[in-house]
PDB file of N, CA and C in Angstrom:
ATOM      1  N   MET A   1     -53.449-270.414 143.103  1.00  0.00           N
ATOM      2  CA  MET A   1     -54.260-270.838 144.226  1.00  0.00           C
ATOM      3  C   MET A   1     -53.344-271.507 145.256  1.00  0.00           C
ATOM      4  N   ASN A   2     -53.445-271.076 146.495  1.00  0.00           N
ATOM      5  CA  ASN A   2     -52.660-271.692 147.566  1.00  0.00           C
ATOM      6  C   ASN A   2     -53.288-273.019 147.958  1.00  0.00           C
ATOM      7  N   MET A   3     -52.451-274.039 148.045  1.00  0.00           N
ATOM      8  CA  MET A   3     -52.918-275.372 148.409  1.00  0.00           C
ATOM      9  C   MET A   3     -52.527-275.666 149.855  1.00  0.00           C
ATOM     10  N   THR A   4     -53.449-276.287 150.588  1.00  0.00           N
ATOM     11  CA  THR A   4     -53.217-276.659 151.978  1.00  0.00           C
ATOM     12  C   THR A   4     -53.128-278.177 152.071  1.00  0.00           C
ATOM     13  N   PRO A   5     -52.025-278.711 152.608  1.00  0.00           N
ATOM     14  CA  PRO A   5     -51.911-280.171 152.764  1.00  0.00           C
ATOM     15  C   PRO A   5     -53.005-280.706 153.686  1.00  0.00           C
ATOM     16  N   VAL A   6     -53.443-281.930 153.399  1.00  0.00           N
ATOM     17  CA  VAL A   6     -54.513-282.579 154.159  1.00  0.00           C
ATOM     18  C   VAL A   6     -54.024-283.942 154.634  1.00  0.00           C
ATOM     19  N   VAL A   7     -54.418-284.323 155.855  1.00  0.00           N
ATOM     20  CA  VAL A   7     -54.125-285.657 156.372  1.00  0.00           C
ATOM     21  C   VAL A   7     -55.182-286.600 155.807  1.00  0.00           C
ATOM     22  N   SER A   8     -54.771-287.453 154.867  1.00  0.00           N
ATOM     23  CA  SER A   8     -55.722-288.311 154.182  1.00  0.00           C
ATOM     24  C   SER A   8     -54.990-289.450 153.486  1.00  0.00           C
ATOM     25  N   THR A   9     -55.708-290.527 153.242  1.00  0.00           N
ATOM     26  CA  THR A   9     -55.112-291.631 152.491  1.00  0.00           C
ATOM     27  C   THR A   9     -55.140-291.384 150.994  1.00  0.00           C
ATOM     28  N   ASN A  10     -56.029-290.505 150.514  1.00  0.00           N
ATOM     29  CA  ASN A  10     -56.102-290.279 149.067  1.00  0.00           C
ATOM     30  C   ASN A  10     -56.072-288.824 148.619  1.00  0.00           C
ATOM     31  N   VAL A  11     -56.226-287.862 149.506  1.00  0.00           N
ATOM     32  CA  VAL A  11     -56.156-286.445 149.140  1.00  0.00           C
ATOM     33  C   VAL A  11     -54.840-285.864 149.652  1.00  0.00           C
ATOM     34  N   ARG A  12     -54.086-285.231 148.742  1.00  0.00           N
ATOM     35  CA  ARG A  12     -52.808-284.613 149.119  1.00  0.00           C
ATOM     36  C   ARG A  12     -53.019-283.195 149.645  1.00  0.00           C
ATOM     37  N   SER A  13     -53.830-282.386 148.909  1.00  0.00           N
ATOM     38  CA  SER A  13     -54.025-280.994 149.314  1.00  0.00           C
ATOM     39  C   SER A  13     -55.317-280.439 148.721  1.00  0.00           C
ATOM     40  N   VAL A  14     -55.763-279.320 149.321  1.00  0.00           N
ATOM     41  CA  VAL A  14     -57.002-278.654 148.914  1.00  0.00           C
ATOM     42  C   VAL A  14     -56.734-277.160 148.833  1.00  0.00           C
ATOM     43  N   GLY A  15     -57.258-276.515 147.794  1.00  0.00           N
ATOM     44  CA  GLY A  15     -57.159-275.069 147.650  1.00  0.00           C
ATOM     45  C   GLY A  15     -58.530-274.487 147.342  1.00  0.00           C
ATOM     46  N   TYR A  16     -58.667-273.169 147.505  1.00  0.00           N
ATOM     47  CA  TYR A  16     -59.966-272.528 147.276  1.00  0.00           C
ATOM     48  C   TYR A  16     -59.785-271.114 146.785  1.00  0.00           C
ATOM     49  N   ASP A  17     -60.548-270.768 145.758  1.00  0.00           N
ATOM     50  CA  ASP A  17     -60.599-269.404 145.240  1.00  0.00           C
ATOM     51  C   ASP A  17     -61.971-268.849 145.589  1.00  0.00           C
ATOM     52  N   ARG A  18     -62.015-267.951 146.578  1.00  0.00           N
ATOM     53  CA  ARG A  18     -63.292-267.398 147.042  1.00  0.00           C
ATOM     54  C   ARG A  18     -64.015-266.587 145.963  1.00  0.00           C
ATOM     55  N   LEU A  19     -63.275-265.918 145.112  1.00  0.00           N
ATOM     56  CA  LEU A  19     -63.915-265.088 144.074  1.00  0.00           C
ATOM     57  C   LEU A  19     -64.733-265.909 143.097  1.00  0.00           C
ATOM     58  N   THR A  20     -64.262-267.108 142.770  1.00  0.00           N
ATOM     59  CA  THR A  20     -64.964-267.948 141.801  1.00  0.00           C
ATOM     60  C   THR A  20     -65.649-269.145 142.450  1.00  0.00           C
ATOM     61  N   ALA A  21     -65.519-269.305 143.769  1.00  0.00           N
ATOM     62  CA  ALA A  21     -66.066-270.450 144.514  1.00  0.00           C
ATOM     63  C   ALA A  21     -65.583-271.768 143.923  1.00  0.00           C
ATOM     64  N   THR A  22     -64.287-271.793 143.556  1.00  0.00           N
ATOM     65  CA  THR A  22     -63.680-272.985 142.964  1.00  0.00           C
ATOM     66  C   THR A  22     -62.754-273.639 143.967  1.00  0.00           C
ATOM     67  N   MET A  23     -62.993-274.919 144.214  1.00  0.00           N
ATOM     68  CA  MET A  23     -62.125-275.696 145.091  1.00  0.00           C
ATOM     69  C   MET A  23     -61.277-276.624 144.226  1.00  0.00           C
ATOM     70  N   ARG A  24     -59.980-276.628 144.483  1.00  0.00           N
ATOM     71  CA  ARG A  24     -59.062-277.534 143.781  1.00  0.00           C
ATOM     72  C   ARG A  24     -58.666-278.641 144.746  1.00  0.00           C
ATOM     73  N   VAL A  25     -58.755-279.882 144.277  1.00  0.00           N
ATOM     74  CA  VAL A  25     -58.366-281.032 145.073  1.00  0.00           C
ATOM     75  C   VAL A  25     -57.249-281.766 144.335  1.00  0.00           C
ATOM     76  N   GLU A  26     -56.118-281.929 145.020  1.00  0.00           N
ATOM     77  CA  GLU A  26     -55.005-282.692 144.480  1.00  0.00           C
ATOM     78  C   GLU A  26     -54.994-284.048 145.189  1.00  0.00           C
ATOM     79  N   PHE A  27     -55.124-285.107 144.395  1.00  0.00           N
ATOM     80  CA  PHE A  27     -55.148-286.454 144.941  1.00  0.00           C
ATOM     81  C   PHE A  27     -53.747-287.048 144.941  1.00  0.00           C
ATOM     82  N   LYS A  28     -53.514-288.002 145.819  1.00  0.00           N
ATOM     83  CA  LYS A  28     -52.199-288.632 145.928  1.00  0.00           C
ATOM     84  C   LYS A  28     -51.854-289.463 144.700  1.00  0.00           C
ATOM     85  N   ASN A  29     -52.851-289.855 143.911  1.00  0.00           N
ATOM     86  CA  ASN A  29     -52.577-290.613 142.692  1.00  0.00           C
ATOM     87  C   ASN A  29     -52.155-289.714 141.529  1.00  0.00           C
ATOM     88  N   GLY A  30     -52.062-288.402 141.789  1.00  0.00           N
ATOM     89  CA  GLY A  30     -51.610-287.459 140.779  1.00  0.00           C
ATOM     90  C   GLY A  30     -52.705-286.643 140.118  1.00  0.00           C
ATOM     91  N   GLY A  31     -53.953-287.031 140.277  1.00  0.00           N
ATOM     92  CA  GLY A  31     -55.052-286.279 139.683  1.00  0.00           C
ATOM     93  C   GLY A  31     -55.292-284.971 140.410  1.00  0.00           C
ATOM     94  N   VAL A  32     -55.606-283.933 139.630  1.00  0.00           N
ATOM     95  CA  VAL A  32     -55.956-282.623 140.195  1.00  0.00           C
ATOM     96  C   VAL A  32     -57.263-282.187 139.532  1.00  0.00           C
ATOM     97  N   TYR A  33     -58.243-281.837 140.354  1.00  0.00           N
ATOM     98  CA  TYR A  33     -59.560-281.465 139.846  1.00  0.00           C
ATOM     99  C   TYR A  33     -60.015-280.151 140.462  1.00  0.00           C
ATOM    100  N   ASP A  34     -60.683-279.328 139.631  1.00  0.00           N
ATOM    101  CA  ASP A  34     -61.346-278.120 140.100  1.00  0.00           C
ATOM    102  C   ASP A  34     -62.840-278.405 140.192  1.00  0.00           C
ATOM    103  N   TYR A  35     -63.435-278.071 141.335  1.00  0.00           N
ATOM    104  CA  TYR A  35     -64.870-278.223 141.562  1.00  0.00           C
ATOM    105  C   TYR A  35     -65.469-276.827 141.695  1.00  0.00           C
ATOM    106  N   TYR A  36     -66.584-276.578 140.981  1.00  0.00           N
ATOM    107  CA  TYR A  36     -67.145-275.233 140.872  1.00  0.00           C
ATOM    108  C   TYR A  36     -68.401-275.064 141.728  1.00  0.00           C
ATOM    109  N   GLY A  37     -68.574-273.838 142.250  1.00  0.00           N
ATOM    110  CA  GLY A  37     -69.746-273.515 143.050  1.00  0.00           C
ATOM    111  C   GLY A  37     -69.713-274.135 144.436  1.00  0.00           C
ATOM    112  N   VAL A  38     -68.521-274.262 144.995  1.00  0.00           N
ATOM    113  CA  VAL A  38     -68.338-274.913 146.294  1.00  0.00           C
ATOM    114  C   VAL A  38     -68.409-273.867 147.415  1.00  0.00           C
ATOM    115  N   SER A  39     -69.158-274.175 148.446  1.00  0.00           N
ATOM    116  CA  SER A  39     -69.297-273.248 149.571  1.00  0.00           C
ATOM    117  C   SER A  39     -68.028-273.242 150.431  1.00  0.00           C
ATOM    118  N   PRO A  40     -67.733-272.112 151.074  1.00  0.00           N
ATOM    119  CA  PRO A  40     -66.581-272.053 151.981  1.00  0.00           C
ATOM    120  C   PRO A  40     -66.681-273.085 153.114  1.00  0.00           C
ATOM    121  N   GLU A  41     -67.900-273.400 153.549  1.00  0.00           N
ATOM    122  CA  GLU A  41     -68.082-274.379 154.622  1.00  0.00           C
ATOM    123  C   GLU A  41     -67.640-275.775 154.195  1.00  0.00           C
ATOM    124  N   LEU A  42     -67.940-276.146 152.959  1.00  0.00           N
ATOM    125  CA  LEU A  42     -67.511-277.450 152.455  1.00  0.00           C
ATOM    126  C   LEU A  42     -65.991-277.502 152.353  1.00  0.00           C
ATOM    127  N   VAL A  43     -65.390-276.405 151.922  1.00  0.00           N
ATOM    128  CA  VAL A  43     -63.928-276.349 151.825  1.00  0.00           C
ATOM    129  C   VAL A  43     -63.309-276.509 153.215  1.00  0.00           C
ATOM    130  N   GLU A  44     -63.839-275.829 154.214  1.00  0.00           N
ATOM    131  CA  GLU A  44     -63.323-275.957 155.582  1.00  0.00           C
ATOM    132  C   GLU A  44     -63.400-277.406 156.060  1.00  0.00           C
ATOM    133  N   SER A  45     -64.486-278.078 155.739  1.00  0.00           N
ATOM    134  CA  SER A  45     -64.634-279.480 156.128  1.00  0.00           C
ATOM    135  C   SER A  45     -63.634-280.369 155.395  1.00  0.00           C
ATOM    136  N   MET A  46     -63.279-279.990 154.180  1.00  0.00           N
ATOM    137  CA  MET A  46     -62.307-280.768 153.403  1.00  0.00           C
ATOM    138  C   MET A  46     -60.906-280.680 153.999  1.00  0.00           C
ATOM    139  N   LEU A  47     -60.654-279.709 154.854  1.00  0.00           N
ATOM    140  CA  LEU A  47     -59.335-279.560 155.465  1.00  0.00           C
ATOM    141  C   LEU A  47     -59.162-280.437 156.708  1.00  0.00           C
ATOM    142  N   LEU A  48     -60.238-281.047 157.171  1.00  0.00           N
ATOM    143  CA  LEU A  48     -60.162-281.949 158.319  1.00  0.00           C
ATOM    144  C   LEU A  48     -59.613-283.304 157.863  1.00  0.00           C
ATOM    145  N   PRO A  49     -59.102-284.120 158.779  1.00  0.00           N
ATOM    146  CA  PRO A  49     -58.528-285.414 158.384  1.00  0.00           C
ATOM    147  C   PRO A  49     -59.515-286.310 157.633  1.00  0.00           C
ATOM    148  N   ASN A  50     -58.976-287.017 156.649  1.00  0.00           N
ATOM    149  CA  ASN A  50     -59.727-287.982 155.831  1.00  0.00           C
ATOM    150  C   ASN A  50     -61.014-287.405 155.230  1.00  0.00           C
ATOM    151  N   PRO A  51     -60.883-286.306 154.469  1.00  0.00           N
ATOM    152  CA  PRO A  51     -62.083-285.625 153.983  1.00  0.00           C
ATOM    153  C   PRO A  51     -62.853-286.404 152.919  1.00  0.00           C
ATOM    154  N   TRP A  52     -62.159-287.124 152.046  1.00  0.00           N
ATOM    155  CA  TRP A  52     -62.850-287.723 150.913  1.00  0.00           C
ATOM    156  C   TRP A  52     -63.805-288.825 151.361  1.00  0.00           C
ATOM    157  N   ARG A  53     -63.434-289.562 152.397  1.00  0.00           N
ATOM    158  CA  ARG A  53     -64.328-290.604 152.924  1.00  0.00           C
ATOM    159  C   ARG A  53     -65.641-290.006 153.397  1.00  0.00           C
ATOM    160  N   ARG A  54     -65.563-288.862 154.039  1.00  0.00           N
ATOM    161  CA  ARG A  54     -66.756-288.239 154.604  1.00  0.00           C
ATOM    162  C   ARG A  54     -67.514-287.388 153.595  1.00  0.00           C
ATOM    163  N   LEU A  55     -66.778-286.738 152.690  1.00  0.00           N
ATOM    164  CA  LEU A  55     -67.393-285.686 151.869  1.00  0.00           C
ATOM    165  C   LEU A  55     -67.307-285.918 150.364  1.00  0.00           C
ATOM    166  N   GLY A  56     -66.675-286.985 149.942  1.00  0.00           N
ATOM    167  CA  GLY A  56     -66.496-287.219 148.509  1.00  0.00           C
ATOM    168  C   GLY A  56     -67.794-287.166 147.725  1.00  0.00           C
ATOM    169  N   ARG A  57     -68.847-287.770 148.274  1.00  0.00           N
ATOM    170  CA  ARG A  57     -70.126-287.774 147.572  1.00  0.00           C
ATOM    171  C   ARG A  57     -70.667-286.352 147.392  1.00  0.00           C
ATOM    172  N   LEU A  58     -70.544-285.520 148.426  1.00  0.00           N
ATOM    173  CA  LEU A  58     -71.006-284.126 148.324  1.00  0.00           C
ATOM    174  C   LEU A  58     -70.184-283.337 147.315  1.00  0.00           C
ATOM    175  N   VAL A  59     -68.876-283.552 147.315  1.00  0.00           N
ATOM    176  CA  VAL A  59     -68.003-282.824 146.388  1.00  0.00           C
ATOM    177  C   VAL A  59     -68.322-283.214 144.947  1.00  0.00           C
ATOM    178  N   ARG A  60     -68.545-284.507 144.702  1.00  0.00           N
ATOM    179  CA  ARG A  60     -68.798-284.980 143.330  1.00  0.00           C
ATOM    180  C   ARG A  60     -70.116-284.469 142.762  1.00  0.00           C
ATOM    181  N   GLU A  61     -70.985-283.891 143.600  1.00  0.00           N
ATOM    182  CA  GLU A  61     -72.231-283.309 143.100  1.00  0.00           C
ATOM    183  C   GLU A  61     -71.976-282.003 142.347  1.00  0.00           C
ATOM    184  N   HIS A  62     -70.775-281.421 142.500  1.00  0.00           N
ATOM    185  CA  HIS A  62     -70.423-280.178 141.829  1.00  0.00           C
ATOM    186  C   HIS A  62     -69.813-280.469 140.465  1.00  0.00           C
ATOM    187  N   ARG A  63     -70.034-279.543 139.545  1.00  0.00           N
ATOM    188  CA  ARG A  63     -69.412-279.640 138.228  1.00  0.00           C
ATOM    189  C   ARG A  63     -67.898-279.560 138.424  1.00  0.00           C
ATOM    190  N   CYS A  64     -67.150-280.328 137.619  1.00  0.00           N
ATOM    191  CA  CYS A  64     -65.693-280.313 137.796  1.00  0.00           C
ATOM    192  C   CYS A  64     -64.965-280.474 136.464  1.00  0.00           C
ATOM    193  N   ASN A  65     -63.694-280.141 136.483  1.00  0.00           N
ATOM    194  CA  ASN A  65     -62.767-280.338 135.372  1.00  0.00           C
ATOM    195  C   ASN A  65     -61.463-280.847 135.906  1.00  0.00           C
ATOM    196  N   ARG A  66     -60.843-281.766 135.157  1.00  0.00           N
ATOM    197  CA  ARG A  66     -59.505-282.199 135.510  1.00  0.00           C
ATOM    198  C   ARG A  66     -58.521-281.097 135.107  1.00  0.00           C
ATOM    199  N   VAL A  67     -57.541-280.810 135.957  1.00  0.00           N
ATOM    200  CA  VAL A  67     -56.553-279.761 135.699  1.00  0.00           C
ATOM    201  C   VAL A  67     -55.294-280.434 135.169  1.00  0.00           C
ATOM    202  N   GLY A  68     -54.737-279.863 134.093  1.00  0.00           N
ATOM    203  CA  GLY A  68     -53.473-280.386 133.554  1.00  0.00           C
ATOM    204  C   GLY A  68     -53.637-281.641 132.917  1.00  0.00           C
TER     205      GLY A  68
END
């Protein structure tokens, strides 16, 4: 999955697999999580500056797994 760097205090990068609707979020603290059933529109919004402050609550509504 290709990761795109994000301007944020806590998110390092965001990636998306359109086939599985899985968004990967890499946090600056080292955590990496896959979120399932995420719409392309939410992913696009996550690429804007400081996404977690604005969208963290919406993202956490999706089922997720820690990667690695």
